[in-house]
Amino acid sequence: MLALTRKKGDSVIIGDDIEIVVLGVQGEQVKLGIKAPRDISIYRKEVYEQIQKENKEAVHNINVDALKSLLK
C-alpha cells in the first residue's frame, strides 16, 4: 500500500487517466473527487463488497436445468 500526505487541492494520478483530488478535510473526514473515464466503475468499498457477495449468491442460485432449456 502506498500512503501519501496530501493537502486540500492536491491530487494523485493513477495510471494515465484517473485523478483523485482532495477537495476538503473536516475533522477525520476527507472529501475526495475522482476524475476517471466513464467506462471505469467507481464504488465505495462497502458497496463493492456487497455487490460481490450478491453476485456470488446469484451464481449459487442458478437453476442449471432451467438455463439449459432456455439455451435449446
PDB file of N, CA and C in Angstrom:
ATOM      1  N   MET A   1       0.846  -1.178   0.000  1.00  0.00           N
ATOM      2  CA  MET A   1       0.000   0.000   0.000  1.00  0.00           C
ATOM      3  C   MET A   1       0.887   1.235   0.000  1.00  0.00           C
ATOM      4  N   LEU A   2       0.515   2.171  -0.817  1.00  0.00           N
ATOM      5  CA  LEU A   2       1.196   3.455  -0.878  1.00  0.00           C
ATOM      6  C   LEU A   2       0.439   4.437   0.016  1.00  0.00           C
ATOM      7  N   ALA A   3       1.113   5.043   0.960  1.00  0.00           N
ATOM      8  CA  ALA A   3       0.491   6.039   1.840  1.00  0.00           C
ATOM      9  C   ALA A   3       1.077   7.407   1.500  1.00  0.00           C
ATOM     10  N   LEU A   4       0.201   8.363   1.254  1.00  0.00           N
ATOM     11  CA  LEU A   4       0.629   9.706   0.873  1.00  0.00           C
ATOM     12  C   LEU A   4       0.008  10.749   1.780  1.00  0.00           C
ATOM     13  N   THR A   5       0.689  11.854   1.923  1.00  0.00           N
ATOM     14  CA  THR A   5       0.129  13.010   2.608  1.00  0.00           C
ATOM     15  C   THR A   5      -0.198  14.045   1.540  1.00  0.00           C
ATOM     16  N   ARG A   6      -1.435  14.490   1.515  1.00  0.00           N
ATOM     17  CA  ARG A   6      -1.888  15.468   0.531  1.00  0.00           C
ATOM     18  C   ARG A   6      -2.655  16.553   1.257  1.00  0.00           C
ATOM     19  N   LYS A   7      -2.668  17.738   0.682  1.00  0.00           N
ATOM     20  CA  LYS A   7      -3.432  18.856   1.223  1.00  0.00           C
ATOM     21  C   LYS A   7      -4.623  19.145   0.309  1.00  0.00           C
ATOM     22  N   LYS A   8      -5.550  19.943   0.798  1.00  0.00           N
ATOM     23  CA  LYS A   8      -6.707  20.332   0.004  1.00  0.00           C
ATOM     24  C   LYS A   8      -6.233  20.899  -1.338  1.00  0.00           C
ATOM     25  N   GLY A   9      -6.813  20.389  -2.408  1.00  0.00           N
ATOM     26  CA  GLY A   9      -6.443  20.834  -3.755  1.00  0.00           C
ATOM     27  C   GLY A   9      -5.376  19.976  -4.408  1.00  0.00           C
ATOM     28  N   ASP A  10      -4.648  19.204  -3.611  1.00  0.00           N
ATOM     29  CA  ASP A  10      -3.629  18.311  -4.164  1.00  0.00           C
ATOM     30  C   ASP A  10      -4.292  17.090  -4.795  1.00  0.00           C
ATOM     31  N   SER A  11      -3.567  16.413  -5.675  1.00  0.00           N
ATOM     32  CA  SER A  11      -4.144  15.245  -6.327  1.00  0.00           C
ATOM     33  C   SER A  11      -3.113  14.140  -6.480  1.00  0.00           C
ATOM     34  N   VAL A  12      -3.624  12.976  -6.837  1.00  0.00           N
ATOM     35  CA  VAL A  12      -2.816  11.788  -7.102  1.00  0.00           C
ATOM     36  C   VAL A  12      -3.295  11.241  -8.440  1.00  0.00           C
ATOM     37  N   ILE A  13      -2.376  10.831  -9.286  1.00  0.00           N
ATOM     38  CA  ILE A  13      -2.710  10.265 -10.587  1.00  0.00           C
ATOM     39  C   ILE A  13      -2.484   8.756 -10.534  1.00  0.00           C
ATOM     40  N   ILE A  14      -3.479   7.988 -11.016  1.00  0.00           N
ATOM     41  CA  ILE A  14      -3.368   6.529 -11.101  1.00  0.00           C
ATOM     42  C   ILE A  14      -3.420   6.163 -12.580  1.00  0.00           C
ATOM     43  N   GLY A  15      -2.389   5.482 -13.054  1.00  0.00           N
ATOM     44  CA  GLY A  15      -2.322   5.158 -14.476  1.00  0.00           C
ATOM     45  C   GLY A  15      -2.239   6.437 -15.281  1.00  0.00           C
ATOM     46  N   ASP A  16      -2.821   6.394 -16.463  1.00  0.00           N
ATOM     47  CA  ASP A  16      -2.781   7.569 -17.333  1.00  0.00           C
ATOM     48  C   ASP A  16      -4.041   8.414 -17.268  1.00  0.00           C
ATOM     49  N   ASP A  17      -5.123   7.869 -16.673  1.00  0.00           N
ATOM     50  CA  ASP A  17      -6.381   8.582 -16.822  1.00  0.00           C
ATOM     51  C   ASP A  17      -7.276   8.630 -15.588  1.00  0.00           C
ATOM     52  N   ILE A  18      -6.713   8.385 -14.415  1.00  0.00           N
ATOM     53  CA  ILE A  18      -7.501   8.505 -13.183  1.00  0.00           C
ATOM     54  C   ILE A  18      -6.802   9.503 -12.267  1.00  0.00           C
ATOM     55  N   GLU A  19      -7.562  10.486 -11.817  1.00  0.00           N
ATOM     56  CA  GLU A  19      -7.026  11.500 -10.899  1.00  0.00           C
ATOM     57  C   GLU A  19      -7.920  11.554  -9.668  1.00  0.00           C
ATOM     58  N   ILE A  20      -7.296  11.504  -8.506  1.00  0.00           N
ATOM     59  CA  ILE A  20      -8.015  11.646  -7.238  1.00  0.00           C
ATOM     60  C   ILE A  20      -7.576  12.966  -6.619  1.00  0.00           C
ATOM     61  N   VAL A  21      -8.559  13.825  -6.342  1.00  0.00           N
ATOM     62  CA  VAL A  21      -8.291  15.166  -5.837  1.00  0.00           C
ATOM     63  C   VAL A  21      -8.835  15.291  -4.418  1.00  0.00           C
ATOM     64  N   VAL A  22      -8.048  15.855  -3.506  1.00  0.00           N
ATOM     65  CA  VAL A  22      -8.522  16.145  -2.155  1.00  0.00           C
ATOM     66  C   VAL A  22      -9.320  17.450  -2.235  1.00  0.00           C
ATOM     67  N   LEU A  23     -10.628  17.335  -2.027  1.00  0.00           N
ATOM     68  CA  LEU A  23     -11.496  18.513  -2.116  1.00  0.00           C
ATOM     69  C   LEU A  23     -11.614  19.252  -0.799  1.00  0.00           C
ATOM     70  N   GLY A  24     -11.488  18.516   0.305  1.00  0.00           N
ATOM     71  CA  GLY A  24     -11.600  19.162   1.598  1.00  0.00           C
ATOM     72  C   GLY A  24     -11.348  18.191   2.734  1.00  0.00           C
ATOM     73  N   VAL A  25     -11.080  18.748   3.899  1.00  0.00           N
ATOM     74  CA  VAL A  25     -10.847  17.948   5.103  1.00  0.00           C
ATOM     75  C   VAL A  25     -11.623  18.613   6.241  1.00  0.00           C
ATOM     76  N   GLN A  26     -12.455  17.808   6.930  1.00  0.00           N
ATOM     77  CA  GLN A  26     -13.187  18.305   8.096  1.00  0.00           C
ATOM     78  C   GLN A  26     -13.029  17.282   9.191  1.00  0.00           C
ATOM     79  N   GLY A  27     -12.262  17.598  10.205  1.00  0.00           N
ATOM     80  CA  GLY A  27     -12.020  16.648  11.290  1.00  0.00           C
ATOM     81  C   GLY A  27     -11.349  15.394  10.749  1.00  0.00           C
ATOM     82  N   GLU A  28     -12.018  14.259  10.941  1.00  0.00           N
ATOM     83  CA  GLU A  28     -11.455  12.995  10.466  1.00  0.00           C
ATOM     84  C   GLU A  28     -12.001  12.590   9.101  1.00  0.00           C
ATOM     85  N   GLN A  29     -12.791  13.442   8.472  1.00  0.00           N
ATOM     86  CA  GLN A  29     -13.345  13.115   7.159  1.00  0.00           C
ATOM     87  C   GLN A  29     -12.595  13.849   6.057  1.00  0.00           C
ATOM     88  N   VAL A  30     -12.346  13.117   4.979  1.00  0.00           N
ATOM     89  CA  VAL A  30     -11.686  13.681   3.812  1.00  0.00           C
ATOM     90  C   VAL A  30     -12.654  13.581   2.645  1.00  0.00           C
ATOM     91  N   LYS A  31     -12.854  14.668   1.934  1.00  0.00           N
ATOM     92  CA  LYS A  31     -13.729  14.672   0.767  1.00  0.00           C
ATOM     93  C   LYS A  31     -12.853  14.554  -0.471  1.00  0.00           C
ATOM     94  N   LEU A  32     -13.107  13.500  -1.268  1.00  0.00           N
ATOM     95  CA  LEU A  32     -12.315  13.231  -2.460  1.00  0.00           C
ATOM     96  C   LEU A  32     -13.143  13.422  -3.714  1.00  0.00           C
ATOM     97  N   GLY A  33     -12.499  13.884  -4.758  1.00  0.00           N
ATOM     98  CA  GLY A  33     -13.095  13.925  -6.084  1.00  0.00           C
ATOM     99  C   GLY A  33     -12.309  12.964  -6.961  1.00  0.00           C
ATOM    100  N   ILE A  34     -13.015  12.239  -7.817  1.00  0.00           N
ATOM    101  CA  ILE A  34     -12.352  11.258  -8.675  1.00  0.00           C
ATOM    102  C   ILE A  34     -12.698  11.574 -10.124  1.00  0.00           C
ATOM    103  N   LYS A  35     -11.660  11.795 -10.926  1.00  0.00           N
ATOM    104  CA  LYS A  35     -11.834  12.013 -12.359  1.00  0.00           C
ATOM    105  C   LYS A  35     -11.351  10.746 -13.057  1.00  0.00           C
ATOM    106  N   ALA A  36     -12.271  10.095 -13.774  1.00  0.00           N
ATOM    107  CA  ALA A  36     -11.928   8.849 -14.457  1.00  0.00           C
ATOM    108  C   ALA A  36     -12.814   8.703 -15.686  1.00  0.00           C
ATOM    109  N   PRO A  37     -12.382   7.899 -16.657  1.00  0.00           N
ATOM    110  CA  PRO A  37     -13.240   7.650 -17.820  1.00  0.00           C
ATOM    111  C   PRO A  37     -14.565   7.027 -17.386  1.00  0.00           C
ATOM    112  N   ARG A  38     -15.610   7.276 -18.125  1.00  0.00           N
ATOM    113  CA  ARG A  38     -16.946   6.781 -17.780  1.00  0.00           C
ATOM    114  C   ARG A  38     -17.027   5.263 -17.755  1.00  0.00           C
ATOM    115  N   ASP A  39     -16.148   4.593 -18.485  1.00  0.00           N
ATOM    116  CA  ASP A  39     -16.211   3.129 -18.535  1.00  0.00           C
ATOM    117  C   ASP A  39     -15.559   2.458 -17.325  1.00  0.00           C
ATOM    118  N   ILE A  40     -15.034   3.239 -16.402  1.00  0.00           N
ATOM    119  CA  ILE A  40     -14.434   2.693 -15.180  1.00  0.00           C
ATOM    120  C   ILE A  40     -15.433   2.839 -14.041  1.00  0.00           C
ATOM    121  N   SER A  41     -15.788   1.720 -13.426  1.00  0.00           N
ATOM    122  CA  SER A  41     -16.715   1.735 -12.299  1.00  0.00           C
ATOM    123  C   SER A  41     -15.985   2.169 -11.035  1.00  0.00           C
ATOM    124  N   ILE A  42     -16.636   3.032 -10.265  1.00  0.00           N
ATOM    125  CA  ILE A  42     -16.059   3.503  -9.010  1.00  0.00           C
ATOM    126  C   ILE A  42     -17.090   3.276  -7.910  1.00  0.00           C
ATOM    127  N   TYR A  43     -16.705   2.534  -6.881  1.00  0.00           N
ATOM    128  CA  TYR A  43     -17.605   2.215  -5.774  1.00  0.00           C
ATOM    129  C   TYR A  43     -16.913   2.488  -4.453  1.00  0.00           C
ATOM    130  N   ARG A  44     -17.705   2.821  -3.435  1.00  0.00           N
ATOM    131  CA  ARG A  44     -17.180   2.780  -2.069  1.00  0.00           C
ATOM    132  C   ARG A  44     -16.926   1.310  -1.756  1.00  0.00           C
ATOM    133  N   LYS A  45     -15.947   1.024  -0.939  1.00  0.00           N
ATOM    134  CA  LYS A  45     -15.556  -0.362  -0.677  1.00  0.00           C
ATOM    135  C   LYS A  45     -16.717  -1.199  -0.148  1.00  0.00           C
ATOM    136  N   GLU A  46     -17.502  -0.656   0.775  1.00  0.00           N
ATOM    137  CA  GLU A  46     -18.597  -1.445   1.346  1.00  0.00           C
ATOM    138  C   GLU A  46     -19.658  -1.785   0.298  1.00  0.00           C
ATOM    139  N   VAL A  47     -19.871  -0.887  -0.655  1.00  0.00           N
ATOM    140  CA  VAL A  47     -20.821  -1.160  -1.735  1.00  0.00           C
ATOM    141  C   VAL A  47     -20.250  -2.229  -2.667  1.00  0.00           C
ATOM    142  N   TYR A  48     -18.977  -2.111  -3.008  1.00  0.00           N
ATOM    143  CA  TYR A  48     -18.319  -3.094  -3.875  1.00  0.00           C
ATOM    144  C   TYR A  48     -18.380  -4.492  -3.257  1.00  0.00           C
ATOM    145  N   GLU A  49     -18.093  -4.582  -1.966  1.00  0.00           N
ATOM    146  CA  GLU A  49     -18.132  -5.889  -1.291  1.00  0.00           C
ATOM    147  C   GLU A  49     -19.539  -6.474  -1.295  1.00  0.00           C
ATOM    148  N   GLN A  50     -20.569  -5.637  -1.135  1.00  0.00           N
ATOM    149  CA  GLN A  50     -21.953  -6.114  -1.174  1.00  0.00           C
ATOM    150  C   GLN A  50     -22.307  -6.623  -2.572  1.00  0.00           C
ATOM    151  N   ILE A  51     -21.873  -5.928  -3.592  1.00  0.00           N
ATOM    152  CA  ILE A  51     -22.117  -6.369  -4.968  1.00  0.00           C
ATOM    153  C   ILE A  51     -21.464  -7.725  -5.210  1.00  0.00           C
ATOM    154  N   GLN A  52     -20.213  -7.882  -4.758  1.00  0.00           N
ATOM    155  CA  GLN A  52     -19.508  -9.155  -4.931  1.00  0.00           C
ATOM    156  C   GLN A  52     -20.236 -10.285  -4.209  1.00  0.00           C
ATOM    157  N   LYS A  53     -20.706 -10.015  -2.996  1.00  0.00           N
ATOM    158  CA  LYS A  53     -21.426 -11.023  -2.221  1.00  0.00           C
ATOM    159  C   LYS A  53     -22.703 -11.447  -2.941  1.00  0.00           C
ATOM    160  N   GLU A  54     -23.459 -10.468  -3.425  1.00  0.00           N
ATOM    161  CA  GLU A  54     -24.703 -10.770  -4.125  1.00  0.00           C
ATOM    162  C   GLU A  54     -24.449 -11.525  -5.428  1.00  0.00           C
ATOM    163  N   ASN A  55     -23.378 -11.191  -6.128  1.00  0.00           N
ATOM    164  CA  ASN A  55     -23.036 -11.916  -7.352  1.00  0.00           C
ATOM    165  C   ASN A  55     -22.704 -13.377  -7.057  1.00  0.00           C
ATOM    166  N   LYS A  56     -21.967 -13.617  -5.983  1.00  0.00           N
ATOM    167  CA  LYS A  56     -21.633 -14.998  -5.611  1.00  0.00           C
ATOM    168  C   LYS A  56     -22.882 -15.775  -5.229  1.00  0.00           C
ATOM    169  N   GLU A  57     -23.787 -15.139  -4.503  1.00  0.00           N
ATOM    170  CA  GLU A  57     -25.035 -15.790  -4.113  1.00  0.00           C
ATOM    171  C   GLU A  57     -25.887 -16.100  -5.344  1.00  0.00           C
ATOM    172  N   ALA A  58     -25.897 -15.204  -6.308  1.00  0.00           N
ATOM    173  CA  ALA A  58     -26.690 -15.411  -7.517  1.00  0.00           C
ATOM    174  C   ALA A  58     -26.172 -16.615  -8.306  1.00  0.00           C
ATOM    175  N   VAL A  59     -24.872 -16.788  -8.336  1.00  0.00           N
ATOM    176  CA  VAL A  59     -24.289 -17.927  -9.052  1.00  0.00           C
ATOM    177  C   VAL A  59     -24.730 -19.233  -8.404  1.00  0.00           C
ATOM    178  N   HIS A  60     -24.802 -19.261  -7.092  1.00  0.00           N
ATOM    179  CA  HIS A  60     -25.199 -20.474  -6.384  1.00  0.00           C
ATOM    180  C   HIS A  60     -26.686 -20.778  -6.540  1.00  0.00           C
ATOM    181  N   ASN A  61     -27.471 -19.773  -6.919  1.00  0.00           N
ATOM    182  CA  ASN A  61     -28.920 -19.947  -7.039  1.00  0.00           C
ATOM    183  C   ASN A  61     -29.374 -20.223  -8.472  1.00  0.00           C
ATOM    184  N   ILE A  62     -28.431 -20.407  -9.387  1.00  0.00           N
ATOM    185  CA  ILE A  62     -28.792 -20.662 -10.776  1.00  0.00           C
ATOM    186  C   ILE A  62     -29.374 -22.063 -10.906  1.00  0.00           C
ATOM    187  N   ASN A  63     -30.509 -22.147 -11.573  1.00  0.00           N
ATOM    188  CA  ASN A  63     -31.125 -23.430 -11.873  1.00  0.00           C
ATOM    189  C   ASN A  63     -30.558 -23.885 -13.224  1.00  0.00           C
ATOM    190  N   VAL A  64     -29.588 -24.786 -13.176  1.00  0.00           N
ATOM    191  CA  VAL A  64     -28.878 -25.225 -14.373  1.00  0.00           C
ATOM    192  C   VAL A  64     -29.828 -25.861 -15.382  1.00  0.00           C
ATOM    193  N   ASP A  65     -30.757 -26.666 -14.932  1.00  0.00           N
ATOM    194  CA  ASP A  65     -31.699 -27.316 -15.843  1.00  0.00           C
ATOM    195  C   ASP A  65     -32.560 -26.283 -16.576  1.00  0.00           C
ATOM    196  N   ALA A  66     -33.041 -25.281 -15.867  1.00  0.00           N
ATOM    197  CA  ALA A  66     -33.842 -24.228 -16.499  1.00  0.00           C
ATOM    198  C   ALA A  66     -33.010 -23.463 -17.510  1.00  0.00           C
ATOM    199  N   LEU A  67     -31.755 -23.200 -17.164  1.00  0.00           N
ATOM    200  CA  LEU A  67     -30.860 -22.490 -18.081  1.00  0.00           C
ATOM    201  C   LEU A  67     -30.611 -23.302 -19.342  1.00  0.00           C
ATOM    202  N   LYS A  68     -30.412 -24.613 -19.200  1.00  0.00           N
ATOM    203  CA  LYS A  68     -30.202 -25.489 -20.365  1.00  0.00           C
ATOM    204  C   LYS A  68     -31.419 -25.463 -21.274  1.00  0.00           C
ATOM    205  N   SER A  69     -32.619 -25.490 -20.691  1.00  0.00           N
ATOM    206  CA  SER A  69     -33.815 -25.487 -21.522  1.00  0.00           C
ATOM    207  C   SER A  69     -33.975 -24.172 -22.272  1.00  0.00           C
ATOM    208  N   LEU A  70     -33.534 -23.069 -21.685  1.00  0.00           N
ATOM    209  CA  LEU A  70     -33.596 -21.775 -22.362  1.00  0.00           C
ATOM    210  C   LEU A  70     -32.629 -21.692 -23.537  1.00  0.00           C
ATOM    211  N   LEU A  71     -31.505 -22.402 -23.421  1.00  0.00           N
ATOM    212  CA  LEU A  71     -30.474 -22.325 -24.458  1.00  0.00           C
ATOM    213  C   LEU A  71     -30.733 -23.265 -25.622  1.00  0.00           C
ATOM    214  N   LYS A  72     -31.726 -24.134 -25.495  1.00  0.00           N
ATOM    215  CA  LYS A  72     -32.032 -25.064 -26.594  1.00  0.00           C
ATOM    216  C   LYS A  72     -32.756 -24.393 -27.717  1.00  0.00           C
TER     217      LYS A  72
END
